[in-house]
Amino acid sequence: MANDETILDQLKKEIPVDEEESIVLNGNSSVGLVIVDVVNGFCTVGSGNMAPTKHNEQISIMVDETAKLAREFCNRKWPVFALLDSHHPDIPENPYPPHCIIGTEESELVPALKWLESESCVTLRRKDCINGFVGSMEKDGSNVFVDWVKEKQIKVIVVVGICTDICVFDFVATTLSARNHSVLPPLEDVVVYSRGCATFDLPVHVAKDIKGAQAHPQELMHHVGLYMAKGRGAKVVSEISFET
């Protein structure tokens, strides 16, 4: 563990994220919340191939912070867009094992967020791929997420969810690219809330005994995900507050 911590400390020195301490949101910000894949299959102990096998502090904090943010947004009737990883059993998502199969509890929101299904300000979108932006595309070429941004006239989105370096990052990077190419008016800023994000843990000593698996140390890859998101132009913050 000491060696892992040394490596992580060295990484943070070499590629610092330099998070902004906080951001204050108010009703004039035209702000929306995007929740990425906070479903049982990624967050609830024992709920499938990609779920934690025991209590995981980073994931637990992410779920709590996401629930708090979502409650605040819904109380203010601000728009929320929730992506739910939902795969068809006959369409694998390499290199990952089967997970979050549609129609199972794995693809459902965690208990702490189940109430979102009955909120009028919430848009739910099931996706069958890593990238939620791509997963929001319809057969006719339209995009549910793009339409949501335009319809709600959203200038700032706050992004939370799992996994920091995979689904969250892919969504953030694509959204920023779309913004840069005027695909997402009037979107201006993408904010990633670090405490509202988490990733999975697969230490090297475990991965070496799983055929085809890549090591995925949680704290290190969480940091890398935040670093990459900031490198694409996202604002990474460690605290979010609301103007009263």
Protein backbone atom coordinates (compact mmCIF):
# COMPACT_ATOMS: atom_id res chain seq x y z
CA MET A 1 0.00 0.00 0.00
CA ALA A 2 2.80 2.39 0.89
CA ASN A 3 4.35 1.81 -2.51
CA ASP A 4 0.98 2.45 -4.23
CA GLU A 5 0.59 5.69 -2.32
CA THR A 6 4.11 6.75 -3.30
CA ILE A 7 3.34 6.12 -6.95
CA LEU A 8 0.06 8.05 -6.71
CA ASP A 9 1.76 10.98 -4.97
CA GLN A 10 4.44 11.05 -7.67
CA LEU A 11 1.80 10.94 -10.40
CA LYS A 12 -0.09 13.84 -8.86
CA LYS A 13 3.14 15.85 -8.83
CA GLU A 14 3.96 15.00 -12.45
CA ILE A 15 0.43 15.53 -13.84
CA PRO A 16 -1.44 17.70 -11.31
CA VAL A 17 -5.13 18.35 -11.87
CA ASP A 18 -5.16 21.64 -9.95
CA GLU A 19 -8.86 21.43 -9.19
CA GLU A 20 -10.75 24.64 -8.64
CA GLU A 21 -11.89 24.60 -5.03
CA SER A 22 -15.53 25.35 -5.65
CA ILE A 23 -18.17 26.65 -8.00
CA VAL A 24 -21.34 28.49 -7.01
CA LEU A 25 -24.46 27.73 -9.05
CA ASN A 26 -27.42 30.05 -9.32
CA GLY A 27 -30.67 30.24 -11.24
CA ASN A 28 -29.19 32.59 -13.80
CA SER A 29 -26.56 30.04 -14.84
CA SER A 30 -28.93 27.98 -17.04
CA VAL A 31 -27.34 24.91 -15.49
CA GLY A 32 -28.10 21.22 -15.95
CA LEU A 33 -26.90 18.08 -14.16
CA VAL A 34 -25.71 15.01 -16.09
CA ILE A 35 -25.52 11.74 -14.14
CA VAL A 36 -23.50 9.00 -15.81
CA ASP A 37 -24.29 5.34 -15.08
CA VAL A 38 -25.01 5.42 -11.36
CA VAL A 39 -26.65 2.00 -11.68
CA ASN A 40 -26.47 -1.15 -9.58
CA GLY A 41 -24.19 -2.93 -12.05
CA PHE A 42 -21.39 -0.47 -11.33
CA CYS A 43 -22.15 0.68 -7.79
CA THR A 44 -24.02 -1.90 -5.69
CA VAL A 45 -21.97 -4.62 -4.02
CA GLY A 46 -22.38 -8.00 -5.67
CA SER A 47 -24.56 -6.75 -8.54
CA GLY A 48 -22.67 -8.25 -11.44
CA ASN A 49 -19.33 -8.55 -13.21
CA MET A 50 -18.51 -4.82 -13.03
CA ALA A 51 -19.89 -4.15 -9.54
CA PRO A 52 -17.72 -3.86 -6.41
CA THR A 53 -17.30 -7.12 -4.50
CA LYS A 54 -17.22 -5.30 -1.16
CA HIS A 55 -17.87 -1.82 0.22
CA ASN A 56 -15.89 0.75 -1.77
CA GLU A 57 -15.40 4.15 -0.18
CA GLN A 58 -14.85 6.12 -3.39
CA ILE A 59 -17.98 4.69 -5.01
CA SER A 60 -20.00 5.22 -1.83
CA ILE A 61 -18.98 8.88 -1.66
CA MET A 62 -19.82 9.32 -5.35
CA VAL A 63 -23.32 7.92 -4.87
CA ASP A 64 -23.94 10.13 -1.81
CA GLU A 65 -22.68 13.29 -3.52
CA THR A 66 -24.66 12.52 -6.69
CA ALA A 67 -27.84 11.99 -4.66
CA LYS A 68 -27.34 15.29 -2.81
CA LEU A 69 -26.76 17.20 -6.04
CA ALA A 70 -29.72 15.57 -7.75
CA ARG A 71 -32.00 16.43 -4.84
CA GLU A 72 -30.87 20.06 -4.91
CA PHE A 73 -31.42 20.30 -8.66
CA CYS A 74 -34.86 18.72 -8.48
CA ASN A 75 -35.92 20.91 -5.57
CA ARG A 76 -35.07 23.90 -7.75
CA LYS A 77 -36.72 22.29 -10.81
CA TRP A 78 -33.43 22.49 -12.71
CA PRO A 79 -32.97 19.97 -15.54
CA VAL A 80 -31.31 16.61 -14.91
CA PHE A 81 -30.16 14.15 -17.59
CA ALA A 82 -29.44 10.65 -16.29
CA LEU A 83 -27.66 8.05 -18.42
CA LEU A 84 -28.23 4.39 -17.55
CA ASP A 85 -25.89 1.73 -18.92
CA SER A 86 -28.20 -0.90 -20.48
CA HIS A 87 -26.83 -3.58 -22.80
CA HIS A 88 -28.46 -6.22 -24.97
CA PRO A 89 -27.31 -9.75 -24.06
CA ASP A 90 -26.35 -10.62 -27.65
CA ILE A 91 -24.24 -7.48 -28.23
CA PRO A 92 -20.99 -7.68 -26.18
CA GLU A 93 -19.04 -4.59 -25.22
CA ASN A 94 -15.42 -5.61 -25.58
CA PRO A 95 -13.13 -5.64 -23.70
CA TYR A 96 -15.54 -5.79 -20.76
CA PRO A 97 -17.45 -8.86 -19.55
CA PRO A 98 -21.28 -8.89 -19.80
CA HIS A 99 -22.76 -6.24 -17.52
CA CYS A 100 -25.83 -4.06 -16.96
CA ILE A 101 -28.03 -6.23 -19.19
CA ILE A 102 -31.25 -4.40 -20.00
CA GLY A 103 -34.22 -5.67 -18.02
CA THR A 104 -32.10 -6.69 -15.03
CA GLU A 105 -31.51 -4.89 -11.73
CA GLU A 106 -27.94 -4.20 -12.86
CA SER A 107 -29.21 -1.63 -15.37
CA GLU A 108 -31.42 0.18 -12.84
CA LEU A 109 -30.57 3.28 -10.82
CA VAL A 110 -29.09 2.62 -7.39
CA PRO A 111 -31.60 2.77 -4.51
CA ALA A 112 -30.38 6.24 -3.48
CA LEU A 113 -31.40 7.61 -6.90
CA LYS A 114 -34.46 5.49 -7.73
CA TRP A 115 -36.73 8.43 -6.89
CA LEU A 116 -35.43 10.27 -9.97
CA GLU A 117 -37.76 8.17 -12.12
CA SER A 118 -40.79 10.11 -10.87
CA GLU A 119 -39.33 13.62 -11.14
CA SER A 120 -40.70 15.85 -13.91
CA CYS A 121 -37.39 17.69 -14.39
CA VAL A 122 -35.46 14.47 -15.06
CA THR A 123 -34.74 12.95 -18.48
CA LEU A 124 -33.67 9.29 -18.37
CA ARG A 125 -31.69 7.81 -21.24
CA ARG A 126 -30.63 4.19 -21.49
CA LYS A 127 -27.40 3.74 -23.42
CA ASP A 128 -25.82 0.61 -24.85
CA CYS A 129 -22.27 1.90 -25.25
CA ILE A 130 -19.48 3.48 -23.23
CA ASN A 131 -19.98 6.98 -24.63
CA GLY A 132 -23.23 8.55 -23.46
CA PHE A 133 -23.13 11.20 -26.18
CA VAL A 134 -23.06 8.46 -28.83
CA GLY A 135 -25.57 6.45 -26.82
CA SER A 136 -28.01 9.37 -27.00
CA MET A 137 -28.22 9.14 -30.80
CA GLU A 138 -31.47 7.97 -32.38
CA LYS A 139 -31.87 5.99 -35.61
CA ASP A 140 -33.03 9.13 -37.43
CA GLY A 141 -29.75 10.89 -36.62
CA SER A 142 -31.12 13.10 -33.85
CA ASN A 143 -29.54 13.15 -30.41
CA VAL A 144 -31.56 13.16 -27.20
CA PHE A 145 -28.78 14.86 -25.20
CA VAL A 146 -28.21 17.57 -27.82
CA ASP A 147 -31.96 18.21 -27.98
CA TRP A 148 -32.07 18.42 -24.17
CA VAL A 149 -29.34 21.07 -24.08
CA LYS A 150 -31.05 23.13 -26.78
CA GLU A 151 -34.57 22.78 -25.40
CA LYS A 152 -33.55 23.69 -21.84
CA GLN A 153 -31.13 26.40 -23.09
CA ILE A 154 -28.38 25.00 -20.89
CA LYS A 155 -25.14 26.97 -20.70
CA VAL A 156 -23.39 24.93 -17.99
CA ILE A 157 -23.54 21.20 -17.29
CA VAL A 158 -22.26 19.56 -14.13
CA VAL A 159 -21.16 15.97 -14.73
CA VAL A 160 -21.00 13.23 -12.09
CA GLY A 161 -20.96 9.44 -12.18
CA ILE A 162 -18.89 6.37 -12.93
CA CYS A 163 -16.33 5.56 -14.28
CA THR A 164 -14.23 8.73 -14.08
CA ASP A 165 -11.73 7.59 -16.71
CA ILE A 166 -14.11 5.67 -18.98
CA CYS A 167 -17.80 6.56 -19.39
CA VAL A 168 -17.55 9.93 -17.64
CA PHE A 169 -14.43 10.95 -19.56
CA ASP A 170 -15.72 9.74 -22.94
CA PHE A 171 -18.95 11.69 -22.47
CA VAL A 172 -17.13 14.83 -21.31
CA ALA A 173 -14.56 14.73 -24.12
CA THR A 174 -17.20 14.25 -26.83
CA THR A 175 -19.44 16.94 -25.37
CA LEU A 176 -16.57 19.43 -25.31
CA SER A 177 -15.65 18.59 -28.90
CA ALA A 178 -19.29 19.07 -29.95
CA ARG A 179 -19.39 22.39 -28.11
CA ASN A 180 -16.19 23.53 -29.82
CA HIS A 181 -17.77 22.80 -33.19
CA SER A 182 -21.04 24.63 -32.44
CA VAL A 183 -23.10 21.44 -32.24
CA LEU A 184 -24.36 22.24 -28.72
CA PRO A 185 -25.57 25.84 -28.51
CA PRO A 186 -25.88 27.51 -26.06
CA LEU A 187 -23.56 25.25 -23.98
CA GLU A 188 -20.49 27.09 -22.67
CA ASP A 189 -18.96 25.13 -19.79
CA VAL A 190 -18.64 21.51 -18.71
CA VAL A 191 -17.94 21.08 -14.99
CA VAL A 192 -16.71 17.78 -13.57
CA TYR A 193 -17.32 17.39 -9.84
CA SER A 194 -14.47 15.22 -8.56
CA ARG A 195 -16.20 13.94 -5.40
CA GLY A 196 -19.23 13.09 -7.50
CA CYS A 197 -17.14 10.76 -9.69
CA ALA A 198 -15.62 7.34 -9.08
CA THR A 199 -14.12 4.42 -10.94
CA PHE A 200 -13.63 0.70 -10.31
CA ASP A 201 -10.69 -0.98 -8.61
CA LEU A 202 -8.75 -3.86 -10.18
CA PRO A 203 -5.28 -4.02 -8.60
CA VAL A 204 -2.41 -5.48 -10.58
CA HIS A 205 -2.08 -8.50 -8.26
CA VAL A 206 -5.71 -9.40 -9.01
CA ALA A 207 -5.66 -8.55 -12.73
CA LYS A 208 -2.67 -10.81 -13.42
CA ASP A 209 -4.80 -13.86 -12.60
CA ILE A 210 -7.66 -12.84 -14.94
CA LYS A 211 -7.10 -13.72 -18.57
CA GLY A 212 -7.15 -10.61 -20.78
CA ALA A 213 -7.68 -8.20 -17.87
CA GLN A 214 -5.79 -4.93 -17.52
CA ALA A 215 -4.82 -3.63 -14.12
CA HIS A 216 -6.97 -0.68 -13.06
CA PRO A 217 -5.88 0.83 -9.72
CA GLN A 218 -8.79 2.95 -8.58
CA GLU A 219 -7.21 6.09 -7.12
CA LEU A 220 -4.65 6.36 -9.90
CA MET A 221 -7.17 5.96 -12.72
CA HIS A 222 -9.63 8.35 -11.05
CA HIS A 223 -6.89 10.97 -11.02
CA VAL A 224 -5.97 10.25 -14.65
CA GLY A 225 -9.63 10.59 -15.67
CA LEU A 226 -9.90 14.00 -14.02
CA TYR A 227 -6.59 15.08 -15.55
CA MET A 228 -7.68 14.06 -19.05
CA ALA A 229 -11.06 15.77 -18.66
CA LYS A 230 -9.36 19.01 -17.66
CA GLY A 231 -6.98 18.64 -20.58
CA ARG A 232 -9.97 18.56 -22.92
CA GLY A 233 -11.27 21.81 -21.46
CA ALA A 234 -13.53 20.77 -18.59
CA LYS A 235 -13.57 22.63 -15.30
CA VAL A 236 -12.76 20.21 -12.48
CA VAL A 237 -14.04 21.25 -9.05
CA SER A 238 -13.93 19.69 -5.60
CA GLU A 239 -16.92 21.52 -4.14
CA ILE A 240 -20.28 22.75 -5.43
CA SER A 241 -22.53 25.20 -3.63
CA PHE A 242 -25.78 26.95 -4.47
CA GLU A 243 -26.66 30.61 -4.27
CA THR A 244 -29.62 31.09 -1.96
